[in-house]
Amino acid sequence: MTLALMMASQSALASLAADQTRYIFRGDKDALTITVTNNDKERTFGGQAWVDNIVEKDTRPTFVVTPSFFKVKPQGQQTLRIIMASDHLPKDKESVYWLNLQDIPPAAEGKRDCHCPAHEAEAVLPPGGAAEGP
C-alpha cells in the first residue's frame, strides 16, 4: 500500500515547517519519518501532529503520529513518525487523510489569547495500495 502526503498549505505566520511537501507511505513499511523545523530564531515552539480521515465516517485511527505533542528549540528540529495503526482500509477505492501540524507558540506575558497556525497535508491511499511514488 502507498500513502502520499502532500502539504496543502503553508501559513506565512507559522514557525514550524515540515521537511517536505509530499510523503509516500509504501505498503512494505509500517511507518515513515518526517522532520519538523522551527524557523524562529529566538523562541521555542510546541507542536501537535495528528492524522484525520476526512472522507469516511469511520473514526478508527488508521495512522498515529508519535510524538503527537513535542517542543522544538529555536532553529531546531524534531523527528516524527507516522505509524500505520490499522489495516481496515478499503481495497477497492482511494482513501484520503489529512496530516495536521499545529504550532503552539510560547505564552506571551500578560496575554491569554493565542493564534496557533496549523498546516494540513493531504494523504491519499490509492485502491489496493499499489501506487507508484517518487
N, C-alpha and C. Protein backbone atom coordinates (compact mmCIF):
# COMPACT_ATOMS: atom_id res chain seq x y z
N MET A 1 0.84 -1.16 0.00
CA MET A 1 0.00 0.00 0.00
C MET A 1 0.89 1.22 0.00
N THR A 2 0.43 2.27 -0.65
CA THR A 2 1.18 3.52 -0.74
C THR A 2 0.32 4.64 -0.21
N LEU A 3 0.90 5.50 0.59
CA LEU A 3 0.19 6.65 1.14
C LEU A 3 0.97 7.89 0.77
N ALA A 4 0.34 8.79 0.04
CA ALA A 4 1.01 10.04 -0.34
C ALA A 4 0.52 11.15 0.57
N LEU A 5 1.44 11.89 1.12
CA LEU A 5 1.11 13.03 1.97
C LEU A 5 1.65 14.27 1.30
N MET A 6 0.78 15.24 1.04
CA MET A 6 1.21 16.46 0.37
C MET A 6 0.80 17.66 1.20
N MET A 7 1.69 18.61 1.37
CA MET A 7 1.35 19.82 2.11
C MET A 7 0.37 20.62 1.27
N ALA A 8 -0.81 20.88 1.82
CA ALA A 8 -1.83 21.63 1.10
C ALA A 8 -1.60 23.13 1.21
N SER A 9 -1.11 23.57 2.34
CA SER A 9 -0.84 25.00 2.50
C SER A 9 0.19 25.21 3.59
N GLN A 10 0.95 26.28 3.47
CA GLN A 10 1.90 26.68 4.49
C GLN A 10 1.51 28.08 4.92
N SER A 11 1.31 28.28 6.20
CA SER A 11 0.96 29.60 6.71
C SER A 11 2.21 30.45 6.85
N ALA A 12 2.14 31.69 6.38
CA ALA A 12 3.28 32.60 6.50
C ALA A 12 3.55 32.94 7.96
N LEU A 13 2.57 32.77 8.83
CA LEU A 13 2.72 33.08 10.24
C LEU A 13 3.32 31.92 11.03
N ALA A 14 3.36 30.74 10.46
CA ALA A 14 3.79 29.55 11.18
C ALA A 14 5.30 29.53 11.35
N SER A 15 5.75 29.06 12.50
CA SER A 15 7.18 28.91 12.75
C SER A 15 7.64 27.49 12.47
N LEU A 16 6.74 26.51 12.64
CA LEU A 16 7.10 25.12 12.39
C LEU A 16 6.81 24.77 10.93
N ALA A 17 7.73 24.03 10.32
CA ALA A 17 7.57 23.62 8.93
C ALA A 17 8.04 22.19 8.76
N ALA A 18 7.34 21.43 7.93
CA ALA A 18 7.74 20.06 7.62
C ALA A 18 8.86 20.10 6.59
N ASP A 19 9.66 19.03 6.54
CA ASP A 19 10.83 18.99 5.68
C ASP A 19 10.51 18.79 4.21
N GLN A 20 9.32 18.30 3.89
CA GLN A 20 8.94 18.06 2.50
C GLN A 20 7.50 18.50 2.29
N THR A 21 7.11 18.58 1.04
CA THR A 21 5.72 18.91 0.73
C THR A 21 4.93 17.67 0.36
N ARG A 22 5.59 16.53 0.24
CA ARG A 22 4.90 15.30 -0.13
C ARG A 22 5.60 14.12 0.52
N TYR A 23 4.80 13.20 1.03
CA TYR A 23 5.33 11.99 1.66
C TYR A 23 4.64 10.78 1.04
N ILE A 24 5.38 9.69 0.90
CA ILE A 24 4.83 8.44 0.36
C ILE A 24 4.94 7.37 1.43
N PHE A 25 3.82 6.74 1.75
CA PHE A 25 3.79 5.64 2.71
C PHE A 25 3.65 4.36 1.89
N ARG A 26 4.72 3.59 1.80
CA ARG A 26 4.71 2.37 0.99
C ARG A 26 4.22 1.18 1.82
N GLY A 27 3.56 0.26 1.16
CA GLY A 27 2.96 -0.87 1.83
C GLY A 27 3.93 -1.80 2.52
N ASP A 28 5.20 -1.83 2.08
CA ASP A 28 6.16 -2.72 2.72
C ASP A 28 6.77 -2.10 3.98
N LYS A 29 6.37 -0.89 4.32
CA LYS A 29 6.85 -0.21 5.53
C LYS A 29 5.68 -0.04 6.49
N ASP A 30 5.97 -0.08 7.79
CA ASP A 30 4.91 0.13 8.77
C ASP A 30 4.91 1.54 9.34
N ALA A 31 5.89 2.38 8.91
CA ALA A 31 5.96 3.76 9.39
C ALA A 31 6.79 4.59 8.43
N LEU A 32 6.63 5.91 8.51
CA LEU A 32 7.51 6.82 7.79
C LEU A 32 7.92 7.93 8.74
N THR A 33 9.04 8.56 8.42
CA THR A 33 9.61 9.59 9.29
C THR A 33 9.56 10.94 8.60
N ILE A 34 9.16 11.97 9.36
CA ILE A 34 9.19 13.34 8.85
C ILE A 34 9.98 14.19 9.85
N THR A 35 10.52 15.28 9.36
CA THR A 35 11.27 16.20 10.21
C THR A 35 10.57 17.54 10.23
N VAL A 36 10.35 18.07 11.43
CA VAL A 36 9.74 19.38 11.62
C VAL A 36 10.83 20.33 12.10
N THR A 37 10.91 21.51 11.47
CA THR A 37 11.92 22.51 11.82
C THR A 37 11.25 23.75 12.39
N ASN A 38 11.83 24.31 13.44
CA ASN A 38 11.39 25.58 14.00
C ASN A 38 12.20 26.68 13.31
N ASN A 39 11.55 27.50 12.49
CA ASN A 39 12.23 28.56 11.76
C ASN A 39 12.41 29.84 12.57
N ASP A 40 11.87 29.88 13.78
CA ASP A 40 12.03 31.06 14.64
C ASP A 40 13.44 31.06 15.22
N LYS A 41 14.10 32.21 15.20
CA LYS A 41 15.48 32.30 15.67
C LYS A 41 15.60 32.53 17.17
N GLU A 42 14.48 32.86 17.83
CA GLU A 42 14.57 33.22 19.24
C GLU A 42 13.69 32.40 20.18
N ARG A 43 12.55 31.92 19.68
CA ARG A 43 11.58 31.29 20.58
C ARG A 43 11.45 29.79 20.36
N THR A 44 11.26 29.08 21.47
CA THR A 44 10.94 27.65 21.43
C THR A 44 9.45 27.51 21.18
N PHE A 45 9.07 26.62 20.26
CA PHE A 45 7.67 26.38 19.94
C PHE A 45 7.29 24.96 20.30
N GLY A 46 6.06 24.80 20.74
CA GLY A 46 5.47 23.48 20.89
C GLY A 46 4.79 23.14 19.57
N GLY A 47 4.49 21.87 19.41
CA GLY A 47 3.80 21.43 18.21
C GLY A 47 2.89 20.27 18.53
N GLN A 48 1.90 20.09 17.68
CA GLN A 48 0.99 18.96 17.78
C GLN A 48 0.78 18.42 16.38
N ALA A 49 0.80 17.10 16.23
CA ALA A 49 0.60 16.47 14.92
C ALA A 49 -0.38 15.32 15.06
N TRP A 50 -1.24 15.16 14.04
CA TRP A 50 -2.21 14.08 14.03
C TRP A 50 -2.68 13.85 12.60
N VAL A 51 -3.31 12.70 12.36
CA VAL A 51 -3.85 12.35 11.04
C VAL A 51 -5.36 12.21 11.17
N ASP A 52 -6.10 12.85 10.25
CA ASP A 52 -7.56 12.78 10.21
C ASP A 52 -8.02 12.07 8.95
N ASN A 53 -9.09 11.29 9.07
CA ASN A 53 -9.78 10.71 7.92
C ASN A 53 -10.83 11.73 7.51
N ILE A 54 -10.67 12.38 6.36
CA ILE A 54 -11.55 13.49 6.01
C ILE A 54 -12.76 13.09 5.18
N VAL A 55 -12.80 11.87 4.67
CA VAL A 55 -13.90 11.47 3.79
C VAL A 55 -14.83 10.48 4.47
N GLU A 56 -14.28 9.45 5.02
CA GLU A 56 -15.08 8.37 5.59
C GLU A 56 -15.65 8.74 6.96
N LYS A 57 -16.72 8.10 7.34
CA LYS A 57 -17.31 8.30 8.67
C LYS A 57 -16.64 7.41 9.72
N ASP A 58 -15.75 6.54 9.27
CA ASP A 58 -15.03 5.64 10.17
C ASP A 58 -14.05 6.46 11.01
N THR A 59 -14.20 6.42 12.31
CA THR A 59 -13.34 7.21 13.20
C THR A 59 -12.22 6.39 13.84
N ARG A 60 -12.10 5.12 13.46
CA ARG A 60 -11.00 4.32 13.99
C ARG A 60 -9.67 4.91 13.52
N PRO A 61 -8.68 4.98 14.38
CA PRO A 61 -7.40 5.55 13.95
C PRO A 61 -6.69 4.61 12.97
N THR A 62 -6.40 5.11 11.79
CA THR A 62 -5.67 4.34 10.80
C THR A 62 -4.18 4.59 10.92
N PHE A 63 -3.83 5.85 11.19
CA PHE A 63 -2.44 6.25 11.35
C PHE A 63 -2.27 7.02 12.65
N VAL A 64 -1.14 6.82 13.31
CA VAL A 64 -0.83 7.50 14.56
C VAL A 64 0.49 8.24 14.37
N VAL A 65 0.56 9.48 14.84
CA VAL A 65 1.79 10.25 14.79
C VAL A 65 2.42 10.24 16.18
N THR A 66 3.72 9.94 16.23
CA THR A 66 4.41 9.94 17.51
C THR A 66 5.74 10.67 17.40
N PRO A 67 6.08 11.54 18.31
CA PRO A 67 5.22 12.02 19.39
C PRO A 67 4.13 12.93 18.84
N SER A 68 2.97 12.89 19.46
CA SER A 68 1.87 13.74 18.98
C SER A 68 2.01 15.17 19.51
N PHE A 69 2.64 15.34 20.66
CA PHE A 69 2.98 16.66 21.20
C PHE A 69 4.50 16.72 21.35
N PHE A 70 5.08 17.86 21.01
CA PHE A 70 6.53 17.98 21.06
C PHE A 70 6.93 19.44 21.21
N LYS A 71 8.21 19.67 21.49
CA LYS A 71 8.76 21.01 21.65
C LYS A 71 10.01 21.10 20.78
N VAL A 72 10.17 22.25 20.08
CA VAL A 72 11.32 22.44 19.20
C VAL A 72 12.02 23.75 19.57
N LYS A 73 13.29 23.68 19.89
CA LYS A 73 14.08 24.86 20.25
C LYS A 73 14.27 25.76 19.03
N PRO A 74 14.66 27.02 19.23
CA PRO A 74 14.87 27.93 18.10
C PRO A 74 15.82 27.32 17.06
N GLN A 75 15.38 27.33 15.82
CA GLN A 75 16.09 26.77 14.67
C GLN A 75 16.45 25.29 14.87
N GLY A 76 15.71 24.61 15.74
CA GLY A 76 15.94 23.19 15.99
C GLY A 76 15.01 22.32 15.15
N GLN A 77 15.15 21.01 15.31
CA GLN A 77 14.35 20.04 14.57
C GLN A 77 13.78 18.98 15.51
N GLN A 78 12.66 18.40 15.07
CA GLN A 78 12.03 17.28 15.78
C GLN A 78 11.64 16.24 14.74
N THR A 79 11.98 14.99 14.99
CA THR A 79 11.60 13.90 14.11
C THR A 79 10.28 13.31 14.58
N LEU A 80 9.35 13.11 13.65
CA LEU A 80 8.06 12.48 13.94
C LEU A 80 7.95 11.21 13.12
N ARG A 81 7.20 10.24 13.64
CA ARG A 81 6.92 9.01 12.89
C ARG A 81 5.42 8.88 12.69
N ILE A 82 5.03 8.55 11.48
CA ILE A 82 3.64 8.23 11.18
C ILE A 82 3.57 6.72 11.08
N ILE A 83 2.79 6.12 11.95
CA ILE A 83 2.72 4.66 12.06
C ILE A 83 1.33 4.18 11.66
N MET A 84 1.29 3.14 10.83
CA MET A 84 0.00 2.54 10.47
C MET A 84 -0.51 1.76 11.68
N ALA A 85 -1.70 2.12 12.15
CA ALA A 85 -2.25 1.52 13.36
C ALA A 85 -3.34 0.50 13.06
N SER A 86 -3.79 0.43 11.82
CA SER A 86 -4.89 -0.47 11.47
C SER A 86 -4.80 -0.82 10.00
N ASP A 87 -5.37 -1.95 9.64
CA ASP A 87 -5.39 -2.34 8.22
C ASP A 87 -6.82 -2.43 7.68
N HIS A 88 -7.72 -1.62 8.22
CA HIS A 88 -9.11 -1.66 7.79
C HIS A 88 -9.39 -0.78 6.57
N LEU A 89 -8.37 -0.44 5.80
CA LEU A 89 -8.53 0.42 4.63
C LEU A 89 -9.22 -0.33 3.50
N PRO A 90 -10.08 0.35 2.74
CA PRO A 90 -10.74 -0.31 1.61
C PRO A 90 -9.74 -0.66 0.52
N LYS A 91 -9.95 -1.79 -0.13
CA LYS A 91 -9.06 -2.24 -1.20
C LYS A 91 -9.55 -1.81 -2.58
N ASP A 92 -10.80 -1.33 -2.66
CA ASP A 92 -11.40 -1.03 -3.96
C ASP A 92 -11.53 0.46 -4.27
N LYS A 93 -11.09 1.33 -3.37
CA LYS A 93 -11.19 2.76 -3.63
C LYS A 93 -10.10 3.52 -2.90
N GLU A 94 -9.91 4.75 -3.34
CA GLU A 94 -8.90 5.62 -2.75
C GLU A 94 -9.35 6.10 -1.37
N SER A 95 -8.42 6.20 -0.45
CA SER A 95 -8.69 6.75 0.88
C SER A 95 -7.93 8.06 1.02
N VAL A 96 -8.56 9.06 1.62
CA VAL A 96 -7.95 10.38 1.76
C VAL A 96 -7.86 10.74 3.24
N TYR A 97 -6.69 11.22 3.65
CA TYR A 97 -6.43 11.62 5.03
C TYR A 97 -5.74 12.97 5.05
N TRP A 98 -5.78 13.65 6.19
CA TRP A 98 -5.03 14.88 6.41
C TRP A 98 -3.99 14.63 7.47
N LEU A 99 -2.76 15.03 7.19
CA LEU A 99 -1.72 15.10 8.20
C LEU A 99 -1.72 16.54 8.70
N ASN A 100 -1.99 16.75 9.97
CA ASN A 100 -2.08 18.08 10.56
C ASN A 100 -0.85 18.37 11.41
N LEU A 101 -0.31 19.58 11.26
CA LEU A 101 0.82 20.04 12.06
C LEU A 101 0.48 21.42 12.59
N GLN A 102 0.37 21.54 13.90
CA GLN A 102 -0.04 22.81 14.51
C GLN A 102 1.07 23.39 15.37
N ASP A 103 1.31 24.71 15.18
CA ASP A 103 2.25 25.45 16.03
C ASP A 103 1.59 25.73 17.38
N ILE A 104 2.36 25.63 18.44
CA ILE A 104 1.91 26.07 19.77
C ILE A 104 2.97 27.05 20.26
N PRO A 105 2.73 28.36 20.08
CA PRO A 105 3.74 29.36 20.44
C PRO A 105 3.88 29.49 21.95
N PRO A 106 5.00 30.05 22.39
CA PRO A 106 5.17 30.28 23.83
C PRO A 106 4.16 31.31 24.31
N ALA A 107 3.76 31.20 25.56
CA ALA A 107 2.78 32.14 26.12
C ALA A 107 3.41 33.52 26.24
N ALA A 108 2.68 34.52 25.78
CA ALA A 108 3.14 35.90 25.91
C ALA A 108 2.74 36.41 27.29
N GLU A 109 3.63 37.07 27.96
CA GLU A 109 3.37 37.54 29.31
C GLU A 109 2.20 38.52 29.31
N GLY A 110 1.20 38.23 30.16
CA GLY A 110 0.04 39.10 30.29
C GLY A 110 -1.03 38.89 29.24
N LYS A 111 -0.85 37.96 28.30
CA LYS A 111 -1.86 37.72 27.26
C LYS A 111 -2.40 36.31 27.40
N ARG A 112 -3.70 36.18 27.13
CA ARG A 112 -4.34 34.87 27.25
C ARG A 112 -4.71 34.30 25.90
N ASP A 113 -4.92 35.15 24.89
CA ASP A 113 -5.31 34.67 23.57
C ASP A 113 -4.08 34.21 22.80
N CYS A 114 -4.30 33.24 21.94
CA CYS A 114 -3.19 32.67 21.18
C CYS A 114 -3.64 32.36 19.77
N HIS A 115 -2.90 32.79 18.78
CA HIS A 115 -3.14 32.38 17.40
C HIS A 115 -2.19 31.22 17.12
N CYS A 116 -2.75 30.05 16.87
CA CYS A 116 -1.94 28.86 16.65
C CYS A 116 -2.10 28.39 15.21
N PRO A 117 -1.21 28.79 14.31
CA PRO A 117 -1.34 28.38 12.91
C PRO A 117 -1.20 26.87 12.76
N ALA A 118 -1.90 26.33 11.79
CA ALA A 118 -1.83 24.90 11.51
C ALA A 118 -1.61 24.68 10.03
N HIS A 119 -0.90 23.61 9.70
CA HIS A 119 -0.68 23.19 8.32
C HIS A 119 -1.50 21.92 8.13
N GLU A 120 -1.97 21.69 6.92
CA GLU A 120 -2.62 20.43 6.60
C GLU A 120 -1.91 19.82 5.40
N ALA A 121 -1.69 18.53 5.45
CA ALA A 121 -1.11 17.80 4.33
C ALA A 121 -2.12 16.76 3.90
N GLU A 122 -2.37 16.65 2.61
CA GLU A 122 -3.32 15.66 2.11
C GLU A 122 -2.63 14.31 2.04
N ALA A 123 -3.31 13.30 2.51
CA ALA A 123 -2.80 11.93 2.47
C ALA A 123 -3.74 11.11 1.60
N VAL A 124 -3.22 10.51 0.53
CA VAL A 124 -4.04 9.75 -0.40
C VAL A 124 -3.54 8.32 -0.43
N LEU A 125 -4.44 7.38 -0.22
CA LEU A 125 -4.11 5.97 -0.30
C LEU A 125 -4.85 5.40 -1.50
N PRO A 126 -4.16 5.02 -2.57
CA PRO A 126 -4.81 4.51 -3.78
C PRO A 126 -5.49 3.17 -3.54
N PRO A 127 -6.43 2.79 -4.43
CA PRO A 127 -7.10 1.49 -4.29
C PRO A 127 -6.08 0.36 -4.24
N GLY A 128 -6.24 -0.52 -3.31
CA GLY A 128 -5.34 -1.66 -3.19
C GLY A 128 -3.96 -1.29 -2.69
N GLY A 129 -3.69 -0.01 -2.54
CA GLY A 129 -2.42 0.45 -2.02
C GLY A 129 -1.23 0.19 -2.90
N ALA A 130 -1.43 0.03 -4.20
CA ALA A 130 -0.32 -0.32 -5.09
C ALA A 130 -0.01 0.78 -6.08
N ALA A 131 0.26 1.96 -5.58
CA ALA A 131 0.56 3.08 -6.47
C ALA A 131 2.05 3.33 -6.52
N GLU A 132 2.47 3.98 -7.59
CA GLU A 132 3.86 4.39 -7.74
C GLU A 132 4.10 5.66 -6.97
N GLY A 133 5.27 5.87 -6.50
CA GLY A 133 5.62 7.10 -5.79
C GLY A 133 7.03 7.52 -6.15
N PRO A 134 7.38 8.76 -5.76
CA PRO A 134 8.72 9.24 -6.11
C PRO A 134 9.80 8.51 -5.34
